Amino acid sequence: MTLMGTEGFVAALRAHAQRYHDQHPFHVAMNAGLLSRRQIQGWVANRFYYQENIPRKDAAILANCPDREVRRRWIRRILDHDGAAGEEGGIEAWLRLAEAVGLTRDEVEDERHVVPGVRFAVDAYVNFARTRPWVEAVASSLTELFAPDLMAERLAAFERCYPWIDGAGLAYFRARLHQAPRDSEHALQVVTEHCRTAEQQQRAVAALSFKCDVLWSILDAIDRAYAD
């Protein structure tokens, strides 16, 4: 096990773009406009379980993090999703997406559509953040490095291929176009500064690999449950 320089370490992390869930057949079909209304609704309802658990994941990182400066910046992620006074958060934006695709808030919030594989994968991610060293949990969030391109492509695909979806419901994707780069820049800074040994670097890379598996497993479960 050899200690990587910063550039090599960052390259090893960025290499996981090849395993990101934008390569999943369900995602490819979504962006090609090939999904049915039922499949889009199933994805939105199940993905909400992931969205509503993001603040819990971030709260777990905060609870384990001894670095005040990191905590002061990381807490913004919770506010981005939960919202603040006079500011709509990502969870509310996702509920509006649900309404835009023809679902009700009640049926999304009560999780009646969440399939077991999605619940298992998301719960595993939250548990990872609670139980692993906080820097590894931060490293697992680095899938955000690949998110801006995915969000831009998804937004364009929804506007082009699914005109039946009210455009006002796509606000979540628009917000992430600037939130994801900001968040990933900070997380990458934290990981490169705190992973000072070869073992720490390898664990950070493994944490990011785990997160890629989580996202892929979510789509596997949705794909099986809503196959037309």
C-alpha atoms as a PDB file:
ATOM      1  CA  MET A   1       0.000   0.000   0.000  1.00  0.00           C
ATOM      2  CA  THR A   2       1.626   3.199  -1.216  1.00  0.00           C
ATOM      3  CA  LEU A   3       0.809   6.758  -0.215  1.00  0.00           C
ATOM      4  CA  MET A   4      -0.477   8.682  -3.211  1.00  0.00           C
ATOM      5  CA  GLY A   5       0.317  12.306  -3.903  1.00  0.00           C
ATOM      6  CA  THR A   6      -2.627  14.688  -3.883  1.00  0.00           C
ATOM      7  CA  GLU A   7      -3.055  14.545  -7.663  1.00  0.00           C
ATOM      8  CA  GLY A   8      -2.942  10.748  -7.710  1.00  0.00           C
ATOM      9  CA  PHE A   9      -5.356  10.514  -4.805  1.00  0.00           C
ATOM     10  CA  VAL A  10      -7.832  12.872  -6.455  1.00  0.00           C
ATOM     11  CA  ALA A  11      -7.482  10.946  -9.718  1.00  0.00           C
ATOM     12  CA  ALA A  12      -8.265   7.688  -7.895  1.00  0.00           C
ATOM     13  CA  LEU A  13     -11.407   9.275  -6.475  1.00  0.00           C
ATOM     14  CA  ARG A  14     -12.485  10.806  -9.767  1.00  0.00           C
ATOM     15  CA  ALA A  15     -12.005   7.472 -11.544  1.00  0.00           C
ATOM     16  CA  HIS A  16     -15.239   6.366  -9.900  1.00  0.00           C
ATOM     17  CA  ALA A  17     -17.103   8.483 -12.427  1.00  0.00           C
ATOM     18  CA  GLN A  18     -17.031   5.310 -14.504  1.00  0.00           C
ATOM     19  CA  ARG A  19     -19.109   3.578 -11.808  1.00  0.00           C
ATOM     20  CA  TYR A  20     -21.555   6.412 -11.234  1.00  0.00           C
ATOM     21  CA  HIS A  21     -25.240   5.604 -11.555  1.00  0.00           C
ATOM     22  CA  ASP A  22     -25.675   7.735 -14.654  1.00  0.00           C
ATOM     23  CA  GLN A  23     -24.360   4.638 -16.457  1.00  0.00           C
ATOM     24  CA  HIS A  24     -27.182   2.449 -15.111  1.00  0.00           C
ATOM     25  CA  PRO A  25     -29.597   1.203 -17.824  1.00  0.00           C
ATOM     26  CA  PHE A  26     -32.555   2.759 -16.000  1.00  0.00           C
ATOM     27  CA  HIS A  27     -30.862   6.153 -15.989  1.00  0.00           C
ATOM     28  CA  VAL A  28     -29.825   5.810 -19.606  1.00  0.00           C
ATOM     29  CA  ALA A  29     -33.417   4.998 -20.553  1.00  0.00           C
ATOM     30  CA  MET A  30     -34.680   7.926 -18.479  1.00  0.00           C
ATOM     31  CA  ASN A  31     -32.458  10.414 -20.240  1.00  0.00           C
ATOM     32  CA  ALA A  32     -33.386   8.948 -23.609  1.00  0.00           C
ATOM     33  CA  GLY A  33     -37.075   9.578 -22.921  1.00  0.00           C
ATOM     34  CA  LEU A  34     -37.915   5.877 -22.876  1.00  0.00           C
ATOM     35  CA  LEU A  35     -39.558   5.577 -19.477  1.00  0.00           C
ATOM     36  CA  SER A  36     -43.299   5.369 -18.974  1.00  0.00           C
ATOM     37  CA  ARG A  37     -45.250   7.649 -16.661  1.00  0.00           C
ATOM     38  CA  ARG A  38     -45.457   4.802 -14.150  1.00  0.00           C
ATOM     39  CA  GLN A  39     -41.684   4.311 -14.203  1.00  0.00           C
ATOM     40  CA  ILE A  40     -41.014   8.003 -13.714  1.00  0.00           C
ATOM     41  CA  GLN A  41     -43.461   8.080 -10.817  1.00  0.00           C
ATOM     42  CA  GLY A  42     -41.858   4.993  -9.284  1.00  0.00           C
ATOM     43  CA  TRP A  43     -38.411   6.559  -9.511  1.00  0.00           C
ATOM     44  CA  VAL A  44     -39.589   9.836  -7.963  1.00  0.00           C
ATOM     45  CA  ALA A  45     -41.428   8.099  -5.100  1.00  0.00           C
ATOM     46  CA  ASN A  46     -38.525   5.805  -4.270  1.00  0.00           C
ATOM     47  CA  ARG A  47     -35.840   8.416  -4.686  1.00  0.00           C
ATOM     48  CA  PHE A  48     -37.684  10.522  -2.104  1.00  0.00           C
ATOM     49  CA  TYR A  49     -36.641   7.986   0.529  1.00  0.00           C
ATOM     50  CA  TYR A  50     -33.041   8.782  -0.351  1.00  0.00           C
ATOM     51  CA  GLN A  51     -33.689  12.530  -0.371  1.00  0.00           C
ATOM     52  CA  GLU A  52     -35.347  12.607   3.043  1.00  0.00           C
ATOM     53  CA  ASN A  53     -32.476  10.622   4.552  1.00  0.00           C
ATOM     54  CA  ILE A  54     -29.710  12.901   3.288  1.00  0.00           C
ATOM     55  CA  PRO A  55     -30.049  15.309   6.259  1.00  0.00           C
ATOM     56  CA  ARG A  56     -29.896  12.339   8.639  1.00  0.00           C
ATOM     57  CA  LYS A  57     -26.715  11.170   6.953  1.00  0.00           C
ATOM     58  CA  ASP A  58     -25.217  14.635   7.205  1.00  0.00           C
ATOM     59  CA  ALA A  59     -26.279  14.958  10.829  1.00  0.00           C
ATOM     60  CA  ALA A  60     -24.434  11.714  11.559  1.00  0.00           C
ATOM     61  CA  ILE A  61     -21.290  13.147   9.973  1.00  0.00           C
ATOM     62  CA  LEU A  62     -21.651  16.300  12.078  1.00  0.00           C
ATOM     63  CA  ALA A  63     -22.100  14.244  15.238  1.00  0.00           C
ATOM     64  CA  ASN A  64     -18.863  12.348  14.590  1.00  0.00           C
ATOM     65  CA  CYS A  65     -16.785  15.285  13.321  1.00  0.00           C
ATOM     66  CA  PRO A  66     -14.456  16.955  15.869  1.00  0.00           C
ATOM     67  CA  ASP A  67     -13.429  19.751  13.477  1.00  0.00           C
ATOM     68  CA  ARG A  68     -15.456  22.905  14.120  1.00  0.00           C
ATOM     69  CA  GLU A  69     -14.587  24.518  10.783  1.00  0.00           C
ATOM     70  CA  VAL A  70     -15.779  21.452   8.899  1.00  0.00           C
ATOM     71  CA  ARG A  71     -18.989  21.372  10.933  1.00  0.00           C
ATOM     72  CA  ARG A  72     -19.675  25.058  10.263  1.00  0.00           C
ATOM     73  CA  ARG A  73     -19.645  24.447   6.517  1.00  0.00           C
ATOM     74  CA  TRP A  74     -21.176  20.967   6.530  1.00  0.00           C
ATOM     75  CA  ILE A  75     -24.315  22.077   8.347  1.00  0.00           C
ATOM     76  CA  ARG A  76     -25.291  24.035   5.219  1.00  0.00           C
ATOM     77  CA  ARG A  77     -26.082  20.715   3.568  1.00  0.00           C
ATOM     78  CA  ILE A  78     -28.805  20.022   6.104  1.00  0.00           C
ATOM     79  CA  LEU A  79     -30.317  23.450   5.569  1.00  0.00           C
ATOM     80  CA  ASP A  80     -30.177  22.930   1.797  1.00  0.00           C
ATOM     81  CA  HIS A  81     -32.399  19.871   2.162  1.00  0.00           C
ATOM     82  CA  ASP A  82     -34.566  20.705   5.162  1.00  0.00           C
ATOM     83  CA  GLY A  83     -34.913  24.364   4.252  1.00  0.00           C
ATOM     84  CA  ALA A  84     -34.864  27.405   6.520  1.00  0.00           C
ATOM     85  CA  ALA A  85     -37.112  30.341   7.309  1.00  0.00           C
ATOM     86  CA  GLY A  86     -38.292  31.743   4.012  1.00  0.00           C
ATOM     87  CA  GLU A  87     -36.173  29.288   2.038  1.00  0.00           C
ATOM     88  CA  GLU A  88     -37.505  26.134   0.400  1.00  0.00           C
ATOM     89  CA  GLY A  89     -35.250  23.135   0.831  1.00  0.00           C
ATOM     90  CA  GLY A  90     -34.515  20.158  -1.348  1.00  0.00           C
ATOM     91  CA  ILE A  91     -37.047  17.888   0.344  1.00  0.00           C
ATOM     92  CA  GLU A  92     -39.853  20.338  -0.359  1.00  0.00           C
ATOM     93  CA  ALA A  93     -38.592  20.729  -3.930  1.00  0.00           C
ATOM     94  CA  TRP A  94     -38.693  16.950  -4.362  1.00  0.00           C
ATOM     95  CA  LEU A  95     -42.261  16.808  -3.076  1.00  0.00           C
ATOM     96  CA  ARG A  96     -43.175  19.383  -5.694  1.00  0.00           C
ATOM     97  CA  LEU A  97     -41.533  17.185  -8.295  1.00  0.00           C
ATOM     98  CA  ALA A  98     -43.703  14.335  -7.033  1.00  0.00           C
ATOM     99  CA  GLU A  99     -46.806  16.453  -7.525  1.00  0.00           C
ATOM    100  CA  ALA A 100     -45.584  17.465 -10.982  1.00  0.00           C
ATOM    101  CA  VAL A 101     -45.405  13.812 -12.055  1.00  0.00           C
ATOM    102  CA  GLY A 102     -48.903  13.068 -10.726  1.00  0.00           C
ATOM    103  CA  LEU A 103     -48.258  11.757  -7.228  1.00  0.00           C
ATOM    104  CA  THR A 104     -49.719  13.121  -4.012  1.00  0.00           C
ATOM    105  CA  ARG A 105     -47.624  14.302  -1.109  1.00  0.00           C
ATOM    106  CA  ASP A 106     -49.281  11.811   1.201  1.00  0.00           C
ATOM    107  CA  GLU A 107     -48.412   8.772  -0.882  1.00  0.00           C
ATOM    108  CA  VAL A 108     -44.792   9.901  -1.182  1.00  0.00           C
ATOM    109  CA  GLU A 109     -44.306  10.937   2.435  1.00  0.00           C
ATOM    110  CA  ASP A 110     -45.871   7.769   3.859  1.00  0.00           C
ATOM    111  CA  GLU A 111     -43.394   5.708   1.786  1.00  0.00           C
ATOM    112  CA  ARG A 112     -46.030   3.299   0.499  1.00  0.00           C
ATOM    113  CA  HIS A 113     -44.216   2.955  -2.821  1.00  0.00           C
ATOM    114  CA  VAL A 114     -40.726   2.416  -1.414  1.00  0.00           C
ATOM    115  CA  VAL A 115     -39.460  -1.019  -2.436  1.00  0.00           C
ATOM    116  CA  PRO A 116     -37.341  -3.139  -0.043  1.00  0.00           C
ATOM    117  CA  GLY A 117     -34.142  -2.868  -2.069  1.00  0.00           C
ATOM    118  CA  VAL A 118     -34.264   0.924  -1.999  1.00  0.00           C
ATOM    119  CA  ARG A 119     -34.960   1.021   1.726  1.00  0.00           C
ATOM    120  CA  PHE A 120     -32.113  -1.409   2.412  1.00  0.00           C
ATOM    121  CA  ALA A 121     -29.585   0.540   0.317  1.00  0.00           C
ATOM    122  CA  VAL A 122     -30.486   3.934   1.779  1.00  0.00           C
ATOM    123  CA  ASP A 123     -30.509   2.635   5.342  1.00  0.00           C
ATOM    124  CA  ALA A 124     -27.086   1.077   4.738  1.00  0.00           C
ATOM    125  CA  TYR A 125     -25.775   4.461   3.622  1.00  0.00           C
ATOM    126  CA  VAL A 126     -27.088   6.257   6.711  1.00  0.00           C
ATOM    127  CA  ASN A 127     -25.680   3.509   8.919  1.00  0.00           C
ATOM    128  CA  PHE A 128     -22.310   3.858   7.175  1.00  0.00           C
ATOM    129  CA  ALA A 129     -22.235   7.564   8.007  1.00  0.00           C
ATOM    130  CA  ARG A 130     -23.132   6.846  11.632  1.00  0.00           C
ATOM    131  CA  THR A 131     -20.623   4.077  12.248  1.00  0.00           C
ATOM    132  CA  ARG A 132     -17.582   4.734  10.066  1.00  0.00           C
ATOM    133  CA  PRO A 133     -14.911   7.371  10.765  1.00  0.00           C
ATOM    134  CA  TRP A 134     -16.255  10.757   9.783  1.00  0.00           C
ATOM    135  CA  VAL A 135     -13.672  11.357   7.041  1.00  0.00           C
ATOM    136  CA  GLU A 136     -14.731   8.128   5.330  1.00  0.00           C
ATOM    137  CA  ALA A 137     -18.347   9.279   5.515  1.00  0.00           C
ATOM    138  CA  VAL A 138     -17.316  12.565   3.917  1.00  0.00           C
ATOM    139  CA  ALA A 139     -15.482  10.642   1.200  1.00  0.00           C
ATOM    140  CA  SER A 140     -18.623   8.646   0.476  1.00  0.00           C
ATOM    141  CA  SER A 141     -20.379  11.897  -0.428  1.00  0.00           C
ATOM    142  CA  LEU A 142     -17.929  12.568  -3.250  1.00  0.00           C
ATOM    143  CA  THR A 143     -20.307  11.147  -5.818  1.00  0.00           C
ATOM    144  CA  GLU A 144     -21.266  14.839  -5.927  1.00  0.00           C
ATOM    145  CA  LEU A 145     -18.149  15.315  -8.044  1.00  0.00           C
ATOM    146  CA  PHE A 146     -20.081  13.702 -10.878  1.00  0.00           C
ATOM    147  CA  ALA A 147     -23.509  15.152 -10.097  1.00  0.00           C
ATOM    148  CA  PRO A 148     -23.495  18.492 -11.940  1.00  0.00           C
ATOM    149  CA  ASP A 149     -23.173  16.881 -15.368  1.00  0.00           C
ATOM    150  CA  LEU A 150     -25.865  14.347 -14.449  1.00  0.00           C
ATOM    151  CA  MET A 151     -28.215  17.095 -13.230  1.00  0.00           C
ATOM    152  CA  ALA A 152     -27.728  19.175 -16.360  1.00  0.00           C
ATOM    153  CA  GLU A 153     -28.378  16.166 -18.576  1.00  0.00           C
ATOM    154  CA  ARG A 154     -31.378  15.066 -16.520  1.00  0.00           C
ATOM    155  CA  LEU A 155     -32.920  18.531 -16.551  1.00  0.00           C
ATOM    156  CA  ALA A 156     -32.542  18.783 -20.326  1.00  0.00           C
ATOM    157  CA  ALA A 157     -33.946  15.277 -20.804  1.00  0.00           C
ATOM    158  CA  PHE A 158     -37.001  15.923 -18.642  1.00  0.00           C
ATOM    159  CA  GLU A 159     -37.765  19.172 -20.427  1.00  0.00           C
ATOM    160  CA  ARG A 160     -37.268  17.570 -23.841  1.00  0.00           C
ATOM    161  CA  CYS A 161     -38.751  14.099 -23.375  1.00  0.00           C
ATOM    162  CA  TYR A 162     -41.409  14.390 -20.681  1.00  0.00           C
ATOM    163  CA  PRO A 163     -43.451  17.509 -21.500  1.00  0.00           C
ATOM    164  CA  TRP A 164     -46.297  16.230 -19.330  1.00  0.00           C
ATOM    165  CA  ILE A 165     -44.200  17.082 -16.247  1.00  0.00           C
ATOM    166  CA  ASP A 166     -44.809  20.630 -15.021  1.00  0.00           C
ATOM    167  CA  GLY A 167     -41.533  22.506 -15.418  1.00  0.00           C
ATOM    168  CA  ALA A 168     -41.979  24.174 -12.033  1.00  0.00           C
ATOM    169  CA  GLY A 169     -41.461  20.757 -10.488  1.00  0.00           C
ATOM    170  CA  LEU A 170     -37.878  20.572 -11.770  1.00  0.00           C
ATOM    171  CA  ALA A 171     -36.559  23.172  -9.329  1.00  0.00           C
ATOM    172  CA  TYR A 172     -34.621  20.541  -7.348  1.00  0.00           C
ATOM    173  CA  PHE A 173     -32.428  19.745 -10.339  1.00  0.00           C
ATOM    174  CA  ARG A 174     -31.783  23.415 -11.055  1.00  0.00           C
ATOM    175  CA  ALA A 175     -30.695  24.051  -7.462  1.00  0.00           C
ATOM    176  CA  ARG A 176     -28.263  21.145  -7.479  1.00  0.00           C
ATOM    177  CA  LEU A 177     -26.460  22.585 -10.508  1.00  0.00           C
ATOM    178  CA  HIS A 178     -24.747  25.048  -8.173  1.00  0.00           C
ATOM    179  CA  GLN A 179     -25.055  23.240  -4.827  1.00  0.00           C
ATOM    180  CA  ALA A 180     -23.287  20.049  -5.918  1.00  0.00           C
ATOM    181  CA  PRO A 181     -20.074  21.746  -7.165  1.00  0.00           C
ATOM    182  CA  ARG A 182     -19.870  23.815  -3.968  1.00  0.00           C
ATOM    183  CA  ASP A 183     -20.415  20.781  -1.751  1.00  0.00           C
ATOM    184  CA  SER A 184     -18.050  18.480  -3.645  1.00  0.00           C
ATOM    185  CA  GLU A 185     -15.277  21.090  -3.616  1.00  0.00           C
ATOM    186  CA  HIS A 186     -15.496  21.317   0.167  1.00  0.00           C
ATOM    187  CA  ALA A 187     -15.713  17.549   0.657  1.00  0.00           C
ATOM    188  CA  LEU A 188     -12.731  16.961  -1.624  1.00  0.00           C
ATOM    189  CA  GLN A 189     -10.733  19.540   0.325  1.00  0.00           C
ATOM    190  CA  VAL A 190     -11.602  17.826   3.610  1.00  0.00           C
ATOM    191  CA  VAL A 191     -10.714  14.357   2.340  1.00  0.00           C
ATOM    192  CA  THR A 192      -7.386  15.357   0.782  1.00  0.00           C
ATOM    193  CA  GLU A 193      -6.368  17.291   3.911  1.00  0.00           C
ATOM    194  CA  HIS A 194      -7.304  14.575   6.404  1.00  0.00           C
ATOM    195  CA  CYS A 195      -6.240  11.432   4.564  1.00  0.00           C
ATOM    196  CA  ARG A 196      -2.521  11.541   5.284  1.00  0.00           C
ATOM    197  CA  THR A 197      -1.650   7.845   5.170  1.00  0.00           C
ATOM    198  CA  ALA A 198      -1.942   5.262   2.438  1.00  0.00           C
ATOM    199  CA  GLU A 199      -4.472   3.343   4.519  1.00  0.00           C
ATOM    200  CA  GLN A 200      -6.630   6.428   5.014  1.00  0.00           C
ATOM    201  CA  GLN A 201      -6.530   7.129   1.290  1.00  0.00           C
ATOM    202  CA  GLN A 202      -7.531   3.570   0.445  1.00  0.00           C
ATOM    203  CA  ARG A 203     -10.417   3.705   2.919  1.00  0.00           C
ATOM    204  CA  ALA A 204     -11.616   6.962   1.376  1.00  0.00           C
ATOM    205  CA  VAL A 205     -11.576   5.421  -2.093  1.00  0.00           C
ATOM    206  CA  ALA A 206     -13.415   2.361  -0.738  1.00  0.00           C
ATOM    207  CA  ALA A 207     -16.014   4.631   0.874  1.00  0.00           C
ATOM    208  CA  LEU A 208     -16.692   6.328  -2.449  1.00  0.00           C
ATOM    209  CA  SER A 209     -16.940   2.916  -4.105  1.00  0.00           C
ATOM    210  CA  PHE A 210     -19.501   1.893  -1.482  1.00  0.00           C
ATOM    211  CA  LYS A 211     -21.584   4.987  -2.227  1.00  0.00           C
ATOM    212  CA  CYS A 212     -21.517   4.180  -5.935  1.00  0.00           C
ATOM    213  CA  ASP A 213     -22.826   0.712  -5.037  1.00  0.00           C
ATOM    214  CA  VAL A 214     -25.613   2.285  -2.966  1.00  0.00           C
ATOM    215  CA  LEU A 215     -26.791   4.473  -5.831  1.00  0.00           C
ATOM    216  CA  TRP A 216     -26.554   1.619  -8.325  1.00  0.00           C
ATOM    217  CA  SER A 217     -28.491  -0.708  -6.002  1.00  0.00           C
ATOM    218  CA  ILE A 218     -31.249   1.891  -5.645  1.00  0.00           C
ATOM    219  CA  LEU A 219     -31.725   1.931  -9.413  1.00  0.00           C
ATOM    220  CA  ASP A 220     -31.510  -1.877  -9.629  1.00  0.00           C
ATOM    221  CA  ALA A 221     -34.400  -2.147  -7.164  1.00  0.00           C
ATOM    222  CA  ILE A 222     -36.495   0.492  -8.925  1.00  0.00           C
ATOM    223  CA  ASP A 223     -35.807  -1.020 -12.333  1.00  0.00           C
ATOM    224  CA  ARG A 224     -36.991  -4.462 -11.191  1.00  0.00           C
ATOM    225  CA  ALA A 225     -40.079  -3.127  -9.418  1.00  0.00           C
ATOM    226  CA  TYR A 226     -41.263  -0.942 -12.306  1.00  0.00           C
ATOM    227  CA  ALA A 227     -40.229  -2.941 -15.341  1.00  0.00           C
ATOM    228  CA  ASP A 228     -42.848  -2.448 -18.076  1.00  0.00           C
END
